[in-house]
Amino acid sequence: MKAKYIRDNGVDDLTQDSIYPVTATENGCLEIIDDTGIKCWFVSEKFEIVDTVVESVVHKYKSRSKVGIDKYGTTLDRDDLSVLEWLNHFQEEMLDGVLYIEKAMQEIRKQQ
């Protein structure tokens, strides 16, 4: 299991946004080995259990959003496109995705 510290009112702590391996203990605490290798115990209510796969995808979404904002000067909250135009953008992205899959499959076949 992994967890990250829940900040109270924006107060910084040593863990910041780090995600740590944790083990639940019988007394309701979390056993954590921090960045320095020191084993610590914390009250579990101060930590949020984290799915690192979900965290990775969320990070990628945020990064892509920043790229889009920098490139187009707007967010997906824009209202100047019709539903059909949004669907056209989606279709173009999916077609690109199929091309990337085909390329990767060709490379795998070459290596086998």
PDB file of N, CA and C in Angstrom:
ATOM      1  N   MET A   1       0.832  -1.170   0.000  1.00  0.00           N
ATOM      2  CA  MET A   1       0.000   0.000   0.000  1.00  0.00           C
ATOM      3  C   MET A   1       0.883   1.243   0.000  1.00  0.00           C
ATOM      4  N   LYS A   2       0.361   2.309  -0.559  1.00  0.00           N
ATOM      5  CA  LYS A   2       1.092   3.574  -0.525  1.00  0.00           C
ATOM      6  C   LYS A   2       0.147   4.664  -0.030  1.00  0.00           C
ATOM      7  N   ALA A   3       0.731   5.703   0.560  1.00  0.00           N
ATOM      8  CA  ALA A   3      -0.081   6.790   1.108  1.00  0.00           C
ATOM      9  C   ALA A   3       0.677   8.094   1.002  1.00  0.00           C
ATOM     10  N   LYS A   4      -0.069   9.202   1.052  1.00  0.00           N
ATOM     11  CA  LYS A   4       0.562  10.517   1.122  1.00  0.00           C
ATOM     12  C   LYS A   4      -0.099  11.320   2.228  1.00  0.00           C
ATOM     13  N   TYR A   5       0.672  12.227   2.789  1.00  0.00           N
ATOM     14  CA  TYR A   5       0.224  13.043   3.919  1.00  0.00           C
ATOM     15  C   TYR A   5      -0.872  13.997   3.471  1.00  0.00           C
ATOM     16  N   ILE A   6      -1.917  14.127   4.291  1.00  0.00           N
ATOM     17  CA  ILE A   6      -2.986  15.093   4.029  1.00  0.00           C
ATOM     18  C   ILE A   6      -2.604  16.382   4.729  1.00  0.00           C
ATOM     19  N   ARG A   7      -2.484  17.452   3.977  1.00  0.00           N
ATOM     20  CA  ARG A   7      -2.102  18.737   4.567  1.00  0.00           C
ATOM     21  C   ARG A   7      -3.294  19.397   5.235  1.00  0.00           C
ATOM     22  N   ASP A   8      -3.057  19.979   6.390  1.00  0.00           N
ATOM     23  CA  ASP A   8      -4.089  20.731   7.102  1.00  0.00           C
ATOM     24  C   ASP A   8      -3.890  22.214   6.841  1.00  0.00           C
ATOM     25  N   ASN A   9      -4.861  22.839   6.187  1.00  0.00           N
ATOM     26  CA  ASN A   9      -4.827  24.283   5.926  1.00  0.00           C
ATOM     27  C   ASN A   9      -3.550  24.734   5.241  1.00  0.00           C
ATOM     28  N   GLY A  10      -3.015  23.915   4.366  1.00  0.00           N
ATOM     29  CA  GLY A  10      -1.842  24.301   3.597  1.00  0.00           C
ATOM     30  C   GLY A  10      -0.546  24.325   4.374  1.00  0.00           C
ATOM     31  N   VAL A  11      -0.528  23.823   5.597  1.00  0.00           N
ATOM     32  CA  VAL A  11       0.698  23.821   6.391  1.00  0.00           C
ATOM     33  C   VAL A  11       1.655  22.783   5.809  1.00  0.00           C
ATOM     34  N   ASP A  12       2.865  23.217   5.531  1.00  0.00           N
ATOM     35  CA  ASP A  12       3.851  22.297   4.977  1.00  0.00           C
ATOM     36  C   ASP A  12       4.356  21.343   6.042  1.00  0.00           C
ATOM     37  N   ASP A  13       4.747  20.188   5.597  1.00  0.00           N
ATOM     38  CA  ASP A  13       5.384  19.230   6.482  1.00  0.00           C
ATOM     39  C   ASP A  13       6.496  18.578   5.677  1.00  0.00           C
ATOM     40  N   LEU A  14       7.255  17.723   6.305  1.00  0.00           N
ATOM     41  CA  LEU A  14       8.412  17.137   5.640  1.00  0.00           C
ATOM     42  C   LEU A  14       8.042  16.217   4.489  1.00  0.00           C
ATOM     43  N   THR A  15       6.826  15.670   4.499  1.00  0.00           N
ATOM     44  CA  THR A  15       6.463  14.722   3.445  1.00  0.00           C
ATOM     45  C   THR A  15       5.986  15.410   2.173  1.00  0.00           C
ATOM     46  N   GLN A  16       5.586  16.646   2.269  1.00  0.00           N
ATOM     47  CA  GLN A  16       5.035  17.403   1.141  1.00  0.00           C
ATOM     48  C   GLN A  16       4.073  16.530   0.357  1.00  0.00           C
ATOM     49  N   ASP A  17       4.287  16.352  -0.947  1.00  0.00           N
ATOM     50  CA  ASP A  17       3.377  15.537  -1.753  1.00  0.00           C
ATOM     51  C   ASP A  17       3.954  14.159  -2.033  1.00  0.00           C
ATOM     52  N   SER A  18       4.941  13.763  -1.272  1.00  0.00           N
ATOM     53  CA  SER A  18       5.571  12.469  -1.495  1.00  0.00           C
ATOM     54  C   SER A  18       4.611  11.334  -1.186  1.00  0.00           C
ATOM     55  N   ILE A  19       4.786  10.260  -1.919  1.00  0.00           N
ATOM     56  CA  ILE A  19       3.998   9.057  -1.700  1.00  0.00           C
ATOM     57  C   ILE A  19       4.927   8.016  -1.096  1.00  0.00           C
ATOM     58  N   TYR A  20       4.496   7.417   0.009  1.00  0.00           N
ATOM     59  CA  TYR A  20       5.330   6.486   0.752  1.00  0.00           C
ATOM     60  C   TYR A  20       4.706   5.105   0.828  1.00  0.00           C
ATOM     61  N   PRO A  21       5.551   4.058   0.828  1.00  0.00           N
ATOM     62  CA  PRO A  21       5.038   2.723   1.125  1.00  0.00           C
ATOM     63  C   PRO A  21       4.583   2.696   2.581  1.00  0.00           C
ATOM     64  N   VAL A  22       3.407   2.126   2.837  1.00  0.00           N
ATOM     65  CA  VAL A  22       2.887   2.083   4.199  1.00  0.00           C
ATOM     66  C   VAL A  22       2.387   0.675   4.536  1.00  0.00           C
ATOM     67  N   THR A  23       2.380   0.399   5.823  1.00  0.00           N
ATOM     68  CA  THR A  23       1.796  -0.828   6.349  1.00  0.00           C
ATOM     69  C   THR A  23       0.878  -0.424   7.486  1.00  0.00           C
ATOM     70  N   ALA A  24      -0.353  -0.906   7.462  1.00  0.00           N
ATOM     71  CA  ALA A  24      -1.274  -0.609   8.561  1.00  0.00           C
ATOM     72  C   ALA A  24      -0.873  -1.448   9.768  1.00  0.00           C
ATOM     73  N   THR A  25      -0.915  -0.846  10.954  1.00  0.00           N
ATOM     74  CA  THR A  25      -0.601  -1.577  12.177  1.00  0.00           C
ATOM     75  C   THR A  25      -1.894  -1.871  12.922  1.00  0.00           C
ATOM     76  N   GLU A  26      -1.811  -2.720  13.915  1.00  0.00           N
ATOM     77  CA  GLU A  26      -3.001  -3.127  14.660  1.00  0.00           C
ATOM     78  C   GLU A  26      -3.618  -1.989  15.455  1.00  0.00           C
ATOM     79  N   ASN A  27      -2.845  -0.987  15.818  1.00  0.00           N
ATOM     80  CA  ASN A  27      -3.364   0.104  16.644  1.00  0.00           C
ATOM     81  C   ASN A  27      -3.921   1.269  15.811  1.00  0.00           C
ATOM     82  N   GLY A  28      -4.158   1.072  14.517  1.00  0.00           N
ATOM     83  CA  GLY A  28      -4.748   2.113  13.683  1.00  0.00           C
ATOM     84  C   GLY A  28      -3.756   3.118  13.140  1.00  0.00           C
ATOM     85  N   CYS A  29      -2.483   2.859  13.312  1.00  0.00           N
ATOM     86  CA  CYS A  29      -1.455   3.747  12.784  1.00  0.00           C
ATOM     87  C   CYS A  29      -0.924   3.194  11.464  1.00  0.00           C
ATOM     88  N   LEU A  30      -0.176   4.013  10.769  1.00  0.00           N
ATOM     89  CA  LEU A  30       0.507   3.578   9.559  1.00  0.00           C
ATOM     90  C   LEU A  30       1.997   3.553   9.829  1.00  0.00           C
ATOM     91  N   GLU A  31       2.634   2.488   9.432  1.00  0.00           N
ATOM     92  CA  GLU A  31       4.089   2.379   9.539  1.00  0.00           C
ATOM     93  C   GLU A  31       4.661   2.824   8.193  1.00  0.00           C
ATOM     94  N   ILE A  32       5.523   3.817   8.231  1.00  0.00           N
ATOM     95  CA  ILE A  32       6.065   4.408   7.013  1.00  0.00           C
ATOM     96  C   ILE A  32       7.587   4.452   7.110  1.00  0.00           C
ATOM     97  N   ILE A  33       8.241   4.114   6.021  1.00  0.00           N
ATOM     98  CA  ILE A  33       9.691   4.316   5.940  1.00  0.00           C
ATOM     99  C   ILE A  33       9.890   5.538   5.058  1.00  0.00           C
ATOM    100  N   ASP A  34      10.398   6.619   5.630  1.00  0.00           N
ATOM    101  CA  ASP A  34      10.524   7.879   4.895  1.00  0.00           C
ATOM    102  C   ASP A  34      11.730   7.878   3.955  1.00  0.00           C
ATOM    103  N   ASP A  35      11.958   9.025   3.311  1.00  0.00           N
ATOM    104  CA  ASP A  35      13.034   9.155   2.319  1.00  0.00           C
ATOM    105  C   ASP A  35      14.416   8.856   2.883  1.00  0.00           C
ATOM    106  N   THR A  36      14.587   9.029   4.176  1.00  0.00           N
ATOM    107  CA  THR A  36      15.894   8.798   4.789  1.00  0.00           C
ATOM    108  C   THR A  36      16.065   7.356   5.246  1.00  0.00           C
ATOM    109  N   GLY A  37      15.016   6.542   5.092  1.00  0.00           N
ATOM    110  CA  GLY A  37      15.082   5.152   5.512  1.00  0.00           C
ATOM    111  C   GLY A  37      14.673   4.934   6.953  1.00  0.00           C
ATOM    112  N   ILE A  38      14.211   5.996   7.621  1.00  0.00           N
ATOM    113  CA  ILE A  38      13.797   5.887   9.019  1.00  0.00           C
ATOM    114  C   ILE A  38      12.342   5.431   9.085  1.00  0.00           C
ATOM    115  N   LYS A  39      12.090   4.441   9.929  1.00  0.00           N
ATOM    116  CA  LYS A  39      10.730   3.931  10.104  1.00  0.00           C
ATOM    117  C   LYS A  39       9.984   4.848  11.071  1.00  0.00           C
ATOM    118  N   CYS A  40       8.778   5.262  10.678  1.00  0.00           N
ATOM    119  CA  CYS A  40       7.974   6.164  11.498  1.00  0.00           C
ATOM    120  C   CYS A  40       6.564   5.601  11.597  1.00  0.00           C
ATOM    121  N   TRP A  41       5.819   6.032  12.614  1.00  0.00           N
ATOM    122  CA  TRP A  41       4.426   5.646  12.758  1.00  0.00           C
ATOM    123  C   TRP A  41       3.589   6.908  12.829  1.00  0.00           C
ATOM    124  N   PHE A  42       2.501   6.910  12.094  1.00  0.00           N
ATOM    125  CA  PHE A  42       1.619   8.066  12.045  1.00  0.00           C
ATOM    126  C   PHE A  42       0.178   7.627  12.232  1.00  0.00           C
ATOM    127  N   VAL A  43      -0.637   8.551  12.723  1.00  0.00           N
ATOM    128  CA  VAL A  43      -2.074   8.294  12.813  1.00  0.00           C
ATOM    129  C   VAL A  43      -2.610   8.222  11.391  1.00  0.00           C
ATOM    130  N   SER A  44      -3.343   7.160  11.099  1.00  0.00           N
ATOM    131  CA  SER A  44      -3.767   6.926   9.712  1.00  0.00           C
ATOM    132  C   SER A  44      -4.684   8.010   9.165  1.00  0.00           C
ATOM    133  N   GLU A  45      -5.411   8.736  10.041  1.00  0.00           N
ATOM    134  CA  GLU A  45      -6.310   9.790   9.558  1.00  0.00           C
ATOM    135  C   GLU A  45      -5.556  10.931   8.882  1.00  0.00           C
ATOM    136  N   LYS A  46      -4.249  11.035   9.119  1.00  0.00           N
ATOM    137  CA  LYS A  46      -3.455  12.107   8.524  1.00  0.00           C
ATOM    138  C   LYS A  46      -2.935  11.734   7.134  1.00  0.00           C
ATOM    139  N   PHE A  47      -3.252  10.521   6.681  1.00  0.00           N
ATOM    140  CA  PHE A  47      -2.752  10.056   5.398  1.00  0.00           C
ATOM    141  C   PHE A  47      -3.878   9.584   4.504  1.00  0.00           C
ATOM    142  N   GLU A  48      -3.670   9.731   3.236  1.00  0.00           N
ATOM    143  CA  GLU A  48      -4.612   9.267   2.226  1.00  0.00           C
ATOM    144  C   GLU A  48      -3.964   8.089   1.508  1.00  0.00           C
ATOM    145  N   ILE A  49      -4.665   6.963   1.462  1.00  0.00           N
ATOM    146  CA  ILE A  49      -4.158   5.811   0.728  1.00  0.00           C
ATOM    147  C   ILE A  49      -4.204   6.171  -0.756  1.00  0.00           C
ATOM    148  N   VAL A  50      -3.132   5.869  -1.462  1.00  0.00           N
ATOM    149  CA  VAL A  50      -2.970   6.317  -2.844  1.00  0.00           C
ATOM    150  C   VAL A  50      -2.852   5.119  -3.775  1.00  0.00           C
ATOM    151  N   ASP A  51      -3.573   5.198  -4.876  1.00  0.00           N
ATOM    152  CA  ASP A  51      -3.395   4.234  -5.966  1.00  0.00           C
ATOM    153  C   ASP A  51      -2.388   4.882  -6.920  1.00  0.00           C
ATOM    154  N   THR A  52      -1.169   4.388  -6.939  1.00  0.00           N
ATOM    155  CA  THR A  52      -0.108   5.040  -7.710  1.00  0.00           C
ATOM    156  C   THR A  52      -0.376   5.026  -9.211  1.00  0.00           C
ATOM    157  N   VAL A  53      -1.144   4.059  -9.691  1.00  0.00           N
ATOM    158  CA  VAL A  53      -1.496   4.034 -11.111  1.00  0.00           C
ATOM    159  C   VAL A  53      -2.419   5.211 -11.426  1.00  0.00           C
ATOM    160  N   VAL A  54      -3.400   5.430 -10.577  1.00  0.00           N
ATOM    161  CA  VAL A  54      -4.317   6.562 -10.760  1.00  0.00           C
ATOM    162  C   VAL A  54      -3.551   7.876 -10.643  1.00  0.00           C
ATOM    163  N   GLU A  55      -2.663   7.976  -9.645  1.00  0.00           N
ATOM    164  CA  GLU A  55      -1.854   9.189  -9.480  1.00  0.00           C
ATOM    165  C   GLU A  55      -1.046   9.491 -10.738  1.00  0.00           C
ATOM    166  N   SER A  56      -0.492   8.455 -11.352  1.00  0.00           N
ATOM    167  CA  SER A  56       0.297   8.623 -12.566  1.00  0.00           C
ATOM    168  C   SER A  56      -0.551   9.171 -13.707  1.00  0.00           C
ATOM    169  N   VAL A  57      -1.762   8.641 -13.858  1.00  0.00           N
ATOM    170  CA  VAL A  57      -2.649   9.104 -14.931  1.00  0.00           C
ATOM    171  C   VAL A  57      -3.107  10.537 -14.673  1.00  0.00           C
ATOM    172  N   VAL A  58      -3.428  10.852 -13.426  1.00  0.00           N
ATOM    173  CA  VAL A  58      -3.836  12.220 -13.083  1.00  0.00           C
ATOM    174  C   VAL A  58      -2.704  13.200 -13.409  1.00  0.00           C
ATOM    175  N   HIS A  59      -1.471  12.819 -13.065  1.00  0.00           N
ATOM    176  CA  HIS A  59      -0.317  13.665 -13.367  1.00  0.00           C
ATOM    177  C   HIS A  59      -0.200  13.888 -14.884  1.00  0.00           C
ATOM    178  N   LYS A  60      -0.394  12.834 -15.656  1.00  0.00           N
ATOM    179  CA  LYS A  60      -0.321  12.961 -17.117  1.00  0.00           C
ATOM    180  C   LYS A  60      -1.424  13.866 -17.658  1.00  0.00           C
ATOM    181  N   TYR A  61      -2.642  13.738 -17.115  1.00  0.00           N
ATOM    182  CA  TYR A  61      -3.741  14.621 -17.538  1.00  0.00           C
ATOM    183  C   TYR A  61      -3.399  16.079 -17.260  1.00  0.00           C
ATOM    184  N   LYS A  62      -2.864  16.346 -16.074  1.00  0.00           N
ATOM    185  CA  LYS A  62      -2.514  17.723 -15.725  1.00  0.00           C
ATOM    186  C   LYS A  62      -1.413  18.256 -16.635  1.00  0.00           C
ATOM    187  N   SER A  63      -0.433  17.420 -16.945  1.00  0.00           N
ATOM    188  CA  SER A  63       0.646  17.835 -17.850  1.00  0.00           C
ATOM    189  C   SER A  63       0.107  18.133 -19.238  1.00  0.00           C
ATOM    190  N   ARG A  64      -0.767  17.253 -19.741  1.00  0.00           N
ATOM    191  CA  ARG A  64      -1.360  17.466 -21.071  1.00  0.00           C
ATOM    192  C   ARG A  64      -2.200  18.738 -21.090  1.00  0.00           C
ATOM    193  N   SER A  65      -2.913  18.987 -20.000  1.00  0.00           N
ATOM    194  CA  SER A  65      -3.733  20.188 -19.917  1.00  0.00           C
ATOM    195  C   SER A  65      -2.863  21.432 -20.038  1.00  0.00           C
ATOM    196  N   LYS A  66      -1.727  21.427 -19.338  1.00  0.00           N
ATOM    197  CA  LYS A  66      -0.817  22.575 -19.409  1.00  0.00           C
ATOM    198  C   LYS A  66      -0.288  22.761 -20.823  1.00  0.00           C
ATOM    199  N   VAL A  67       0.067  21.673 -21.494  1.00  0.00           N
ATOM    200  CA  VAL A  67       0.541  21.755 -22.881  1.00  0.00           C
ATOM    201  C   VAL A  67      -0.541  22.385 -23.759  1.00  0.00           C
ATOM    202  N   GLY A  68      -1.788  21.937 -23.597  1.00  0.00           N
ATOM    203  CA  GLY A  68      -2.889  22.472 -24.391  1.00  0.00           C
ATOM    204  C   GLY A  68      -3.144  23.945 -24.123  1.00  0.00           C
ATOM    205  N   ILE A  69      -3.096  24.326 -22.857  1.00  0.00           N
ATOM    206  CA  ILE A  69      -3.304  25.731 -22.500  1.00  0.00           C
ATOM    207  C   ILE A  69      -2.195  26.591 -23.094  1.00  0.00           C
ATOM    208  N   ASP A  70      -0.945  26.117 -22.977  1.00  0.00           N
ATOM    209  CA  ASP A  70       0.180  26.869 -23.536  1.00  0.00           C
ATOM    210  C   ASP A  70       0.083  26.966 -25.060  1.00  0.00           C
ATOM    211  N   LYS A  71      -0.333  25.889 -25.699  1.00  0.00           N
ATOM    212  CA  LYS A  71      -0.369  25.837 -27.164  1.00  0.00           C
ATOM    213  C   LYS A  71      -1.556  26.609 -27.736  1.00  0.00           C
ATOM    214  N   TYR A  72      -2.752  26.430 -27.126  1.00  0.00           N
ATOM    215  CA  TYR A  72      -3.972  27.007 -27.695  1.00  0.00           C
ATOM    216  C   TYR A  72      -4.506  28.212 -26.933  1.00  0.00           C
ATOM    217  N   GLY A  73      -3.931  28.492 -25.758  1.00  0.00           N
ATOM    218  CA  GLY A  73      -4.365  29.656 -24.993  1.00  0.00           C
ATOM    219  C   GLY A  73      -5.763  29.521 -24.407  1.00  0.00           C
ATOM    220  N   THR A  74      -6.251  28.317 -24.255  1.00  0.00           N
ATOM    221  CA  THR A  74      -7.583  28.101 -23.699  1.00  0.00           C
ATOM    222  C   THR A  74      -7.640  26.720 -23.048  1.00  0.00           C
ATOM    223  N   THR A  75      -8.735  26.464 -22.355  1.00  0.00           N
ATOM    224  CA  THR A  75      -8.945  25.163 -21.723  1.00  0.00           C
ATOM    225  C   THR A  75     -10.103  24.450 -22.415  1.00  0.00           C
ATOM    226  N   LEU A  76     -10.422  23.273 -21.953  1.00  0.00           N
ATOM    227  CA  LEU A  76     -11.574  22.553 -22.493  1.00  0.00           C
ATOM    228  C   LEU A  76     -12.889  23.173 -22.051  1.00  0.00           C
ATOM    229  N   ASP A  77     -12.832  24.188 -21.208  1.00  0.00           N
ATOM    230  CA  ASP A  77     -14.046  24.915 -20.814  1.00  0.00           C
ATOM    231  C   ASP A  77     -14.531  25.844 -21.919  1.00  0.00           C
ATOM    232  N   ARG A  78     -13.798  25.943 -22.998  1.00  0.00           N
ATOM    233  CA  ARG A  78     -14.182  26.820 -24.106  1.00  0.00           C
ATOM    234  C   ARG A  78     -15.559  26.417 -24.622  1.00  0.00           C
ATOM    235  N   ASP A  79     -16.272  27.375 -25.202  1.00  0.00           N
ATOM    236  CA  ASP A  79     -17.622  27.083 -25.679  1.00  0.00           C
ATOM    237  C   ASP A  79     -17.821  27.498 -27.138  1.00  0.00           C
ATOM    238  N   ASP A  80     -16.711  27.583 -27.869  1.00  0.00           N
ATOM    239  CA  ASP A  80     -16.804  28.018 -29.266  1.00  0.00           C
ATOM    240  C   ASP A  80     -16.875  26.858 -30.257  1.00  0.00           C
ATOM    241  N   LEU A  81     -16.939  25.618 -29.775  1.00  0.00           N
ATOM    242  CA  LEU A  81     -17.044  24.462 -30.652  1.00  0.00           C
ATOM    243  C   LEU A  81     -18.378  23.759 -30.431  1.00  0.00           C
ATOM    244  N   SER A  82     -18.930  23.248 -31.519  1.00  0.00           N
ATOM    245  CA  SER A  82     -20.175  22.481 -31.412  1.00  0.00           C
ATOM    246  C   SER A  82     -19.844  21.063 -30.935  1.00  0.00           C
ATOM    247  N   VAL A  83     -20.871  20.330 -30.568  1.00  0.00           N
ATOM    248  CA  VAL A  83     -20.677  18.944 -30.154  1.00  0.00           C
ATOM    249  C   VAL A  83     -20.075  18.151 -31.307  1.00  0.00           C
ATOM    250  N   LEU A  84     -20.517  18.408 -32.511  1.00  0.00           N
ATOM    251  CA  LEU A  84     -19.972  17.708 -33.679  1.00  0.00           C
ATOM    252  C   LEU A  84     -18.483  18.020 -33.860  1.00  0.00           C
ATOM    253  N   GLU A  85     -18.077  19.256 -33.631  1.00  0.00           N
ATOM    254  CA  GLU A  85     -16.657  19.613 -33.725  1.00  0.00           C
ATOM    255  C   GLU A  85     -15.845  18.915 -32.636  1.00  0.00           C
ATOM    256  N   TRP A  86     -16.388  18.827 -31.416  1.00  0.00           N
ATOM    257  CA  TRP A  86     -15.700  18.098 -30.340  1.00  0.00           C
ATOM    258  C   TRP A  86     -15.539  16.630 -30.719  1.00  0.00           C
ATOM    259  N   LEU A  87     -16.598  16.032 -31.276  1.00  0.00           N
ATOM    260  CA  LEU A  87     -16.529  14.630 -31.689  1.00  0.00           C
ATOM    261  C   LEU A  87     -15.524  14.435 -32.814  1.00  0.00           C
ATOM    262  N   ASN A  88     -15.409  15.404 -33.708  1.00  0.00           N
ATOM    263  CA  ASN A  88     -14.421  15.327 -34.785  1.00  0.00           C
ATOM    264  C   ASN A  88     -13.004  15.335 -34.201  1.00  0.00           C
ATOM    265  N   HIS A  89     -12.757  16.216 -33.224  1.00  0.00           N
ATOM    266  CA  HIS A  89     -11.447  16.238 -32.552  1.00  0.00           C
ATOM    267  C   HIS A  89     -11.158  14.880 -31.906  1.00  0.00           C
ATOM    268  N   PHE A  90     -12.159  14.332 -31.235  1.00  0.00           N
ATOM    269  CA  PHE A  90     -12.006  13.037 -30.580  1.00  0.00           C
ATOM    270  C   PHE A  90     -11.680  11.955 -31.607  1.00  0.00           C
ATOM    271  N   GLN A  91     -12.403  11.943 -32.718  1.00  0.00           N
ATOM    272  CA  GLN A  91     -12.165  10.945 -33.759  1.00  0.00           C
ATOM    273  C   GLN A  91     -10.744  11.054 -34.302  1.00  0.00           C
ATOM    274  N   GLU A  92     -10.273  12.256 -34.546  1.00  0.00           N
ATOM    275  CA  GLU A  92      -8.907  12.449 -35.043  1.00  0.00           C
ATOM    276  C   GLU A  92      -7.880  11.917 -34.044  1.00  0.00           C
ATOM    277  N   GLU A  93      -8.098  12.164 -32.749  1.00  0.00           N
ATOM    278  CA  GLU A  93      -7.179  11.661 -31.723  1.00  0.00           C
ATOM    279  C   GLU A  93      -7.176  10.133 -31.694  1.00  0.00           C
ATOM    280  N   MET A  94      -8.346   9.527 -31.816  1.00  0.00           N
ATOM    281  CA  MET A  94      -8.433   8.067 -31.797  1.00  0.00           C
ATOM    282  C   MET A  94      -7.763   7.464 -33.034  1.00  0.00           C
ATOM    283  N   LEU A  95      -7.917   8.107 -34.181  1.00  0.00           N
ATOM    284  CA  LEU A  95      -7.233   7.635 -35.393  1.00  0.00           C
ATOM    285  C   LEU A  95      -5.720   7.699 -35.207  1.00  0.00           C
ATOM    286  N   ASP A  96      -5.237   8.783 -34.619  1.00  0.00           N
ATOM    287  CA  ASP A  96      -3.802   8.882 -34.315  1.00  0.00           C
ATOM    288  C   ASP A  96      -3.378   7.750 -33.386  1.00  0.00           C
ATOM    289  N   GLY A  97      -4.197   7.458 -32.380  1.00  0.00           N
ATOM    290  CA  GLY A  97      -3.890   6.393 -31.442  1.00  0.00           C
ATOM    291  C   GLY A  97      -3.760   5.048 -32.130  1.00  0.00           C
ATOM    292  N   VAL A  98      -4.640   4.765 -33.079  1.00  0.00           N
ATOM    293  CA  VAL A  98      -4.567   3.505 -33.822  1.00  0.00           C
ATOM    294  C   VAL A  98      -3.262   3.435 -34.611  1.00  0.00           C
ATOM    295  N   LEU A  99      -2.824   4.556 -35.166  1.00  0.00           N
ATOM    296  CA  LEU A  99      -1.553   4.579 -35.905  1.00  0.00           C
ATOM    297  C   LEU A  99      -0.378   4.276 -34.968  1.00  0.00           C
ATOM    298  N   TYR A 100      -0.394   4.840 -33.767  1.00  0.00           N
ATOM    299  CA  TYR A 100       0.679   4.579 -32.807  1.00  0.00           C
ATOM    300  C   TYR A 100       0.699   3.109 -32.391  1.00  0.00           C
ATOM    301  N   ILE A 101      -0.480   2.529 -32.204  1.00  0.00           N
ATOM    302  CA  ILE A 101      -0.564   1.101 -31.858  1.00  0.00           C
ATOM    303  C   ILE A 101      -0.001   0.250 -32.991  1.00  0.00           C
ATOM    304  N   GLU A 102      -0.364   0.565 -34.222  1.00  0.00           N
ATOM    305  CA  GLU A 102       0.127  -0.200 -35.374  1.00  0.00           C
ATOM    306  C   GLU A 102       1.647  -0.116 -35.474  1.00  0.00           C
ATOM    307  N   LYS A 103       2.197   1.077 -35.285  1.00  0.00           N
ATOM    308  CA  LYS A 103       3.651   1.252 -35.337  1.00  0.00           C
ATOM    309  C   LYS A 103       4.330   0.415 -34.254  1.00  0.00           C
ATOM    310  N   ALA A 104       3.803   0.466 -33.041  1.00  0.00           N
ATOM    311  CA  ALA A 104       4.393  -0.305 -31.941  1.00  0.00           C
ATOM    312  C   ALA A 104       4.315  -1.804 -32.229  1.00  0.00           C
ATOM    313  N   MET A 105       3.194  -2.247 -32.777  1.00  0.00           N
ATOM    314  CA  MET A 105       3.046  -3.672 -33.115  1.00  0.00           C
ATOM    315  C   MET A 105       4.056  -4.090 -34.185  1.00  0.00           C
ATOM    316  N   GLN A 106       4.282  -3.236 -35.183  1.00  0.00           N
ATOM    317  CA  GLN A 106       5.271  -3.539 -36.213  1.00  0.00           C
ATOM    318  C   GLN A 106       6.669  -3.666 -35.618  1.00  0.00           C
ATOM    319  N   GLU A 107       7.002  -2.767 -34.676  1.00  0.00           N
ATOM    320  CA  GLU A 107       8.302  -2.808 -34.029  1.00  0.00           C
ATOM    321  C   GLU A 107       8.471  -4.098 -33.210  1.00  0.00           C
ATOM    322  N   ILE A 108       7.431  -4.489 -32.515  1.00  0.00           N
ATOM    323  CA  ILE A 108       7.479  -5.734 -31.727  1.00  0.00           C
ATOM    324  C   ILE A 108       7.687  -6.926 -32.661  1.00  0.00           C
ATOM    325  N   ARG A 109       6.980  -6.942 -33.784  1.00  0.00           N
ATOM    326  CA  ARG A 109       7.121  -8.052 -34.736  1.00  0.00           C
ATOM    327  C   ARG A 109       8.540  -8.126 -35.282  1.00  0.00           C
ATOM    328  N   LYS A 110       9.156  -6.961 -35.536  1.00  0.00           N
ATOM    329  CA  LYS A 110      10.539  -6.930 -36.034  1.00  0.00           C
ATOM    330  C   LYS A 110      11.501  -7.560 -35.030  1.00  0.00           C
ATOM    331  N   GLN A 111      11.251  -7.314 -33.756  1.00  0.00           N
ATOM    332  CA  GLN A 111      12.136  -7.802 -32.689  1.00  0.00           C
ATOM    333  C   GLN A 111      11.963  -9.295 -32.411  1.00  0.00           C
ATOM    334  N   GLN A 112      10.843  -9.856 -32.857  1.00  0.00           N
ATOM    335  CA  GLN A 112      10.595 -11.276 -32.549  1.00  0.00           C
ATOM    336  C   GLN A 112      11.182 -12.172 -33.572  1.00  0.00           C
TER     337      GLN A 112
END
